[in-house]
Amino acid sequence: MIDMHAHWKPAELADALRARTRNPKIERNASGVEVLKSARYGEEQLSEAFDDVAFHLDRMDRQGVSTGVLSLLGSFCWVEAQPLEVSVPLCRLVNDTLSGICQAHQGRFLAHAALPLTDISVAAAEFERALALPGMVGAQLPGNGFLTRKDAEKMRPLLEVANRHRALLFIHHGPLPGDPFPRHAGDTDNMRRRNGTLDMQACLSSAMMTLCLTDFLAPYPDATVYLHNLGGNIPYEVERMDHRSLLDTPKEELPSSRFRRAGVYVDCNSFGPHAIEAGVRLYGAERVVCGTDGTEFGVDWTRKALAEARIDEAERRKILHGNAAAVLSRRASVAHREQAAA
């Protein structure tokens, strides 16, 4: 398996977390022990709060994961939303650290850059710098940057960098700097399910509408774009879209056809066999890759879902390894030429 959705919690951010006054932050608890506090994970001792390379390599070996493509865990993406004097050095620290992991364990890890998103021109410059580092294959971008075509226009400088370097863009559910997030506060009933499933999937669906049902991506044929969680609820909603299209705009190409030929990839993170079957029917097996959030549970869940999905063995192999290997090799060939020229 190539895991295209493997989040990472870098211990190198500890000093910056100690300086914060709101979650996520490091502080001493009532017992005087330093802990990482976050809204989702509560209170974690530092010995367990960050990711450890040896631990994950052991897990990957046991579970048959050949390569993990690392990206910042969502609760650590606060670094990208800080003022530039804070975000630029922190993003560089993250990117240099991830590249170091890739260098030390060649073939086992690749990584997406973190970018200072309060100024897209500065983000583009850091993206250029990061792509020159060994092991860096692309960048992780927040889904809110693509909710509509108007939103996506602001992200064009990053698409231009990705296209120039044949790099990947991993669009993950999350806010742009200044966006209220998450939508539902802790006193909302079913808050976790509303934020972590209903709103997440709706936002991913909106991003897929922008990327697949407009011509936004047309100028960037050499960039590889992928979203997680099957690109939202599109595999289930597309029949409704086709129905409305036939009624409202019968001369237009059906949405299902446009989604299939758009060239945007999706991962199958967190979904079961029936959803994977729907995703394969809509996008084609050649457009689905594996994602696990970078956890043991996620790998087990994804492997089981793929094993039970009613797809053929060739399709299963494409999703487990072949599709990811193909898009990563395109980036690798360009990176090799760029590094040789440098």
Protein backbone atom coordinates (compact mmCIF):
# COMPACT_ATOMS: atom_id res chain seq x y z
CA MET A 1 0.00 0.00 0.00
CA ILE A 2 1.04 3.59 -0.72
CA ASP A 3 -0.66 5.80 1.86
CA MET A 4 -1.35 9.19 0.27
CA HIS A 5 -3.01 10.61 3.40
CA ALA A 6 -0.64 10.14 6.34
CA HIS A 7 -0.84 13.01 8.82
CA TRP A 8 2.13 13.93 10.99
CA LYS A 9 2.53 15.68 14.35
CA PRO A 10 6.09 17.09 14.42
CA ALA A 11 7.76 17.42 17.80
CA GLU A 12 9.86 20.23 16.33
CA LEU A 13 6.89 22.56 16.91
CA ALA A 14 7.00 22.04 20.69
CA ASP A 15 8.64 25.39 21.51
CA ALA A 16 6.09 27.26 19.41
CA LEU A 17 3.28 25.38 21.13
CA ARG A 18 4.70 26.35 24.53
CA ALA A 19 4.38 30.00 23.55
CA ARG A 20 0.69 29.73 22.62
CA THR A 21 -2.12 30.85 24.92
CA ARG A 22 -4.92 28.88 23.24
CA ASN A 23 -5.31 25.35 21.91
CA PRO A 24 -3.35 23.65 20.59
CA LYS A 25 -0.76 24.55 23.21
CA ILE A 26 1.70 22.98 25.62
CA GLU A 27 1.29 23.77 29.29
CA ARG A 28 1.84 22.13 32.66
CA ASN A 29 -1.14 20.34 34.16
CA ALA A 30 -2.12 20.25 37.81
CA SER A 31 0.58 17.63 38.45
CA GLY A 32 3.26 19.83 36.93
CA VAL A 33 3.64 17.60 33.87
CA GLU A 34 3.90 19.18 30.44
CA VAL A 35 0.98 18.18 28.20
CA LEU A 36 -0.27 19.03 24.74
CA LYS A 37 -3.82 20.36 24.91
CA SER A 38 -6.09 20.41 21.87
CA ALA A 39 -9.80 20.61 21.23
CA ARG A 40 -10.03 17.16 19.65
CA TYR A 41 -7.54 15.11 21.66
CA GLY A 42 -7.92 16.75 25.05
CA GLU A 43 -4.75 16.45 27.10
CA GLU A 44 -1.80 14.27 25.99
CA GLN A 45 1.54 13.77 27.67
CA LEU A 46 4.35 14.99 25.45
CA SER A 47 5.85 11.51 25.22
CA GLU A 48 2.69 10.45 23.36
CA ALA A 49 1.68 13.70 21.67
CA PHE A 50 4.06 13.73 18.71
CA ASP A 51 4.82 11.24 15.97
CA ASP A 52 7.90 9.04 16.15
CA VAL A 53 9.57 7.74 12.98
CA ALA A 54 10.61 4.38 14.43
CA PHE A 55 7.10 3.72 15.73
CA HIS A 56 5.53 4.42 12.35
CA LEU A 57 8.10 2.43 10.40
CA ASP A 58 7.38 -0.58 12.61
CA ARG A 59 3.65 -0.13 12.07
CA MET A 60 4.11 0.28 8.31
CA ASP A 61 6.22 -2.87 8.11
CA ARG A 62 3.61 -4.87 10.02
CA GLN A 63 0.77 -3.59 7.89
CA GLY A 64 2.40 -3.70 4.49
CA VAL A 65 2.56 0.05 3.88
CA SER A 66 5.50 0.66 1.56
CA THR A 67 5.37 4.47 1.52
CA GLY A 68 3.58 7.14 3.54
CA VAL A 69 3.04 10.62 2.09
CA LEU A 70 3.24 12.88 5.14
CA SER A 71 1.22 16.04 5.76
CA LEU A 72 0.52 18.13 8.84
CA LEU A 73 -2.31 16.95 11.05
CA GLY A 74 -5.19 19.43 10.86
CA SER A 75 -4.83 20.62 14.45
CA PHE A 76 -1.20 21.50 13.68
CA CYS A 77 -2.08 23.58 10.62
CA TRP A 78 -2.48 26.60 12.88
CA VAL A 79 1.11 27.39 11.88
CA GLU A 80 -0.11 28.33 8.39
CA ALA A 81 -2.60 30.93 9.63
CA GLN A 82 -0.25 33.01 11.76
CA PRO A 83 1.14 36.43 10.76
CA LEU A 84 3.99 36.03 8.29
CA GLU A 85 6.71 36.77 10.84
CA VAL A 86 5.48 33.68 12.73
CA SER A 87 4.19 31.41 9.96
CA VAL A 88 7.12 31.62 7.55
CA PRO A 89 9.79 30.30 9.97
CA LEU A 90 7.38 27.68 11.37
CA CYS A 91 6.39 26.41 7.93
CA ARG A 92 10.05 26.26 6.94
CA LEU A 93 10.79 24.31 10.10
CA VAL A 94 8.02 21.83 9.31
CA ASN A 95 9.10 21.43 5.69
CA ASP A 96 12.78 21.01 6.52
CA THR A 97 11.87 18.47 9.19
CA LEU A 98 9.65 16.44 6.86
CA SER A 99 12.32 16.49 4.18
CA GLY A 100 14.85 15.25 6.73
CA ILE A 101 12.60 12.28 7.53
CA CYS A 102 12.31 11.51 3.81
CA GLN A 103 16.10 11.67 3.36
CA ALA A 104 16.81 9.48 6.37
CA HIS A 105 14.34 6.81 5.19
CA GLN A 106 14.40 7.00 1.41
CA GLY A 107 11.50 5.26 -0.24
CA ARG A 108 9.47 4.99 2.96
CA PHE A 109 8.30 8.58 3.25
CA LEU A 110 7.47 11.49 0.97
CA ALA A 111 5.88 14.72 2.14
CA HIS A 112 3.61 17.66 1.43
CA ALA A 113 4.72 21.16 2.36
CA ALA A 114 3.01 23.43 4.88
CA LEU A 115 2.55 26.96 3.50
CA PRO A 116 2.10 30.41 5.14
CA LEU A 117 -1.39 31.10 3.81
CA THR A 118 -1.96 34.66 5.03
CA ASP A 119 -0.17 35.84 1.87
CA ILE A 120 -0.49 33.58 -1.17
CA SER A 121 2.53 35.12 -2.92
CA VAL A 122 4.68 34.28 0.11
CA ALA A 123 3.08 30.83 0.22
CA ALA A 124 4.05 30.32 -3.44
CA ALA A 125 7.64 31.29 -2.68
CA GLU A 126 7.82 28.80 0.18
CA PHE A 127 6.23 26.14 -2.04
CA GLU A 128 9.02 26.72 -4.60
CA ARG A 129 11.65 26.46 -1.87
CA ALA A 130 10.12 23.32 -0.36
CA LEU A 131 9.91 21.50 -3.69
CA ALA A 132 13.68 21.79 -3.99
CA LEU A 133 14.06 19.76 -0.80
CA PRO A 134 14.51 15.98 -1.06
CA GLY A 135 11.31 14.02 -0.64
CA MET A 136 8.88 16.91 -1.04
CA VAL A 137 6.21 16.06 -3.61
CA GLY A 138 3.62 18.81 -3.15
CA ALA A 139 1.62 20.81 -0.64
CA GLN A 140 -1.46 20.35 1.52
CA LEU A 141 -4.07 23.08 0.99
CA PRO A 142 -7.29 23.81 2.92
CA GLY A 143 -10.54 22.83 1.29
CA ASN A 144 -12.08 26.23 2.05
CA GLY A 145 -9.79 27.66 -0.60
CA PHE A 146 -11.83 25.84 -3.26
CA LEU A 147 -15.43 26.02 -2.08
CA THR A 148 -16.33 28.16 -5.09
CA ARG A 149 -14.60 29.29 -8.28
CA LYS A 150 -14.26 32.77 -6.74
CA ASP A 151 -12.47 31.31 -3.71
CA ALA A 152 -10.18 29.24 -5.91
CA GLU A 153 -9.04 32.25 -7.98
CA LYS A 154 -6.93 33.37 -5.01
CA MET A 155 -5.09 30.05 -5.04
CA ARG A 156 -3.84 30.26 -8.63
CA PRO A 157 -0.22 31.12 -7.69
CA LEU A 158 0.02 27.77 -5.89
CA LEU A 159 -1.46 25.90 -8.86
CA GLU A 160 1.11 27.58 -11.09
CA VAL A 161 3.96 26.33 -8.90
CA ALA A 162 2.51 22.82 -8.82
CA ASN A 163 2.04 22.78 -12.58
CA ARG A 164 5.59 23.99 -13.25
CA HIS A 165 7.10 21.27 -11.07
CA ARG A 166 4.57 18.50 -11.79
CA ALA A 167 3.83 18.55 -8.09
CA LEU A 168 0.83 17.30 -6.12
CA LEU A 169 -1.78 19.34 -4.30
CA PHE A 170 -3.56 17.52 -1.48
CA ILE A 171 -6.77 19.42 -0.76
CA HIS A 172 -7.85 18.61 2.78
CA HIS A 173 -10.89 19.84 4.68
CA GLY A 174 -9.87 22.91 6.64
CA PRO A 175 -10.16 26.70 6.98
CA LEU A 176 -8.32 29.55 5.35
CA PRO A 177 -6.77 32.07 7.77
CA GLY A 178 -9.57 33.98 9.45
CA ASP A 179 -12.35 31.51 8.65
CA PRO A 180 -14.58 30.51 11.58
CA PHE A 181 -13.81 26.85 12.19
CA PRO A 182 -15.20 24.42 13.09
CA ARG A 183 -18.76 25.37 12.29
CA HIS A 184 -20.36 23.78 15.35
CA ALA A 185 -19.31 24.56 18.91
CA GLY A 186 -19.07 22.05 21.73
CA ASP A 187 -22.60 22.72 22.99
CA THR A 188 -24.16 21.55 19.69
CA ASP A 189 -25.80 18.15 19.73
CA ASN A 190 -23.75 15.55 17.86
CA MET A 191 -21.03 18.15 17.44
CA ARG A 192 -18.30 15.70 16.46
CA ARG A 193 -20.44 13.99 13.81
CA ARG A 194 -21.69 17.29 12.43
CA ASN A 195 -18.19 18.76 12.12
CA GLY A 196 -16.27 15.60 11.27
CA THR A 197 -18.70 14.08 8.78
CA LEU A 198 -21.63 16.23 7.66
CA ASP A 199 -19.78 19.52 7.25
CA MET A 200 -16.53 17.95 6.14
CA GLN A 201 -18.18 15.94 3.38
CA ALA A 202 -20.29 18.90 2.24
CA CYS A 203 -17.21 21.12 1.98
CA LEU A 204 -15.29 18.47 0.04
CA SER A 205 -18.25 18.11 -2.32
CA SER A 206 -18.21 21.86 -2.93
CA ALA A 207 -14.49 21.78 -3.69
CA MET A 208 -15.05 18.95 -6.17
CA MET A 209 -17.76 21.01 -7.88
CA THR A 210 -15.26 23.84 -8.33
CA LEU A 211 -12.45 21.61 -9.56
CA CYS A 212 -14.45 19.29 -11.82
CA LEU A 213 -17.46 21.28 -13.06
CA THR A 214 -15.62 24.46 -14.00
CA ASP A 215 -12.56 25.03 -16.19
CA PHE A 216 -10.49 26.25 -13.24
CA LEU A 217 -7.88 23.47 -13.59
CA ALA A 218 -7.53 23.73 -17.37
CA PRO A 219 -4.32 25.85 -17.27
CA TYR A 220 -2.59 23.30 -14.99
CA PRO A 221 -2.42 19.98 -16.85
CA ASP A 222 0.82 18.95 -15.15
CA ALA A 223 -0.37 19.44 -11.57
CA THR A 224 -1.90 16.46 -9.77
CA VAL A 225 -4.83 17.37 -7.50
CA TYR A 226 -6.44 15.01 -5.05
CA LEU A 227 -8.99 15.24 -2.24
CA HIS A 228 -9.67 12.90 0.64
CA ASN A 229 -12.79 10.98 1.69
CA LEU A 230 -13.86 10.21 -1.90
CA GLY A 231 -14.18 13.92 -2.65
CA GLY A 232 -17.14 14.35 -0.33
CA ASN A 233 -20.56 12.91 -1.13
CA ILE A 234 -20.31 13.27 -4.90
CA PRO A 235 -20.49 9.50 -5.65
CA TYR A 236 -23.92 9.43 -4.00
CA GLU A 237 -25.17 12.85 -5.10
CA VAL A 238 -24.17 12.69 -8.75
CA GLU A 239 -27.33 10.84 -9.84
CA ARG A 240 -29.39 13.67 -8.38
CA MET A 241 -27.16 16.16 -10.23
CA ASP A 242 -27.66 14.28 -13.49
CA HIS A 243 -31.42 14.25 -12.94
CA ARG A 244 -31.53 18.00 -12.33
CA SER A 245 -29.22 18.60 -15.27
CA LEU A 246 -31.52 16.72 -17.63
CA LEU A 247 -34.44 18.82 -16.39
CA ASP A 248 -32.77 22.23 -16.10
CA THR A 249 -29.95 22.27 -18.64
CA PRO A 250 -30.55 19.35 -21.02
CA LYS A 251 -28.03 20.58 -23.60
CA GLU A 252 -25.13 20.52 -21.12
CA GLU A 253 -22.82 17.58 -20.60
CA LEU A 254 -23.97 15.51 -17.62
CA PRO A 255 -22.15 16.17 -14.33
CA SER A 256 -21.29 12.47 -14.00
CA SER A 257 -19.35 12.63 -17.27
CA ARG A 258 -17.52 15.79 -16.23
CA PHE A 259 -16.53 14.36 -12.85
CA ARG A 260 -15.16 11.25 -14.52
CA ARG A 261 -12.99 13.04 -17.07
CA ALA A 262 -11.84 15.92 -14.84
CA GLY A 263 -8.63 14.17 -13.78
CA VAL A 264 -8.98 14.96 -10.08
CA TYR A 265 -8.04 12.07 -7.78
CA VAL A 266 -9.71 11.09 -4.52
CA ASP A 267 -8.58 8.90 -1.66
CA CYS A 268 -10.77 6.30 0.02
CA ASN A 269 -9.87 7.25 3.59
CA SER A 270 -12.48 6.40 6.22
CA PHE A 271 -15.01 4.85 3.84
CA GLY A 272 -16.34 1.31 3.61
CA PRO A 273 -16.81 -1.09 0.72
CA HIS A 274 -20.13 0.26 -0.57
CA ALA A 275 -18.83 3.84 -0.77
CA ILE A 276 -15.65 2.66 -2.50
CA GLU A 277 -17.77 0.79 -5.05
CA ALA A 278 -19.74 4.00 -5.71
CA GLY A 279 -16.50 5.96 -6.04
CA VAL A 280 -15.09 3.48 -8.55
CA ARG A 281 -18.33 3.58 -10.57
CA LEU A 282 -18.21 7.35 -10.80
CA TYR A 283 -14.53 8.27 -11.09
CA GLY A 284 -13.06 5.00 -12.33
CA ALA A 285 -10.65 2.87 -10.30
CA GLU A 286 -7.73 4.70 -11.91
CA ARG A 287 -8.64 7.86 -10.01
CA VAL A 288 -8.85 6.41 -6.48
CA VAL A 289 -5.86 6.11 -4.12
CA CYS A 290 -5.41 4.90 -0.55
CA GLY A 291 -5.58 7.14 2.48
CA THR A 292 -5.52 6.21 6.16
CA ASP A 293 -4.85 9.39 8.20
CA GLY A 294 -1.53 7.71 9.01
CA THR A 295 -2.90 5.51 11.80
CA GLU A 296 -2.93 1.78 12.48
CA PHE A 297 -6.71 1.83 12.71
CA GLY A 298 -6.93 3.72 9.42
CA VAL A 299 -4.78 1.18 7.59
CA ASP A 300 -6.78 -1.76 8.94
CA TRP A 301 -10.06 -0.04 8.07
CA THR A 302 -8.98 0.80 4.52
CA ARG A 303 -7.54 -2.64 3.80
CA LYS A 304 -10.71 -4.32 5.05
CA ALA A 305 -12.94 -1.98 3.04
CA LEU A 306 -10.96 -2.62 -0.14
CA ALA A 307 -10.96 -6.38 0.45
CA GLU A 308 -14.75 -6.40 0.83
CA ALA A 309 -15.53 -3.98 -2.00
CA ARG A 310 -17.06 -5.61 -5.06
CA ILE A 311 -14.35 -4.51 -7.46
CA ASP A 312 -11.97 -6.70 -9.44
CA GLU A 313 -8.41 -7.49 -8.44
CA ALA A 314 -6.88 -5.20 -11.06
CA GLU A 315 -8.93 -2.29 -9.71
CA ARG A 316 -7.94 -3.18 -6.15
CA ARG A 317 -4.23 -3.18 -7.08
CA LYS A 318 -4.57 0.21 -8.75
CA ILE A 319 -6.09 1.71 -5.61
CA LEU A 320 -3.64 0.08 -3.22
CA HIS A 321 -0.50 0.99 -5.12
CA GLY A 322 -0.58 1.52 -8.88
CA ASN A 323 -2.33 4.89 -9.14
CA ALA A 324 -0.24 6.51 -6.42
CA ALA A 325 2.97 5.08 -7.85
CA ALA A 326 2.14 6.60 -11.24
CA VAL A 327 1.46 10.13 -10.00
CA LEU A 328 4.45 10.08 -7.63
CA SER A 329 6.76 8.90 -10.41
CA ARG A 330 5.76 11.89 -12.54
CA ARG A 331 6.84 14.20 -9.76
CA ALA A 332 9.99 12.17 -9.10
CA SER A 333 11.17 12.47 -12.70
CA VAL A 334 10.92 16.27 -12.58
CA ALA A 335 12.51 16.48 -9.13
CA HIS A 336 15.46 14.40 -10.35
CA ARG A 337 16.02 16.75 -13.31
CA GLU A 338 15.71 19.84 -11.12
CA GLN A 339 18.16 18.55 -8.54
CA ALA A 340 20.63 17.53 -11.25
CA ALA A 341 20.42 21.01 -12.79
CA ALA A 342 20.96 22.65 -9.40
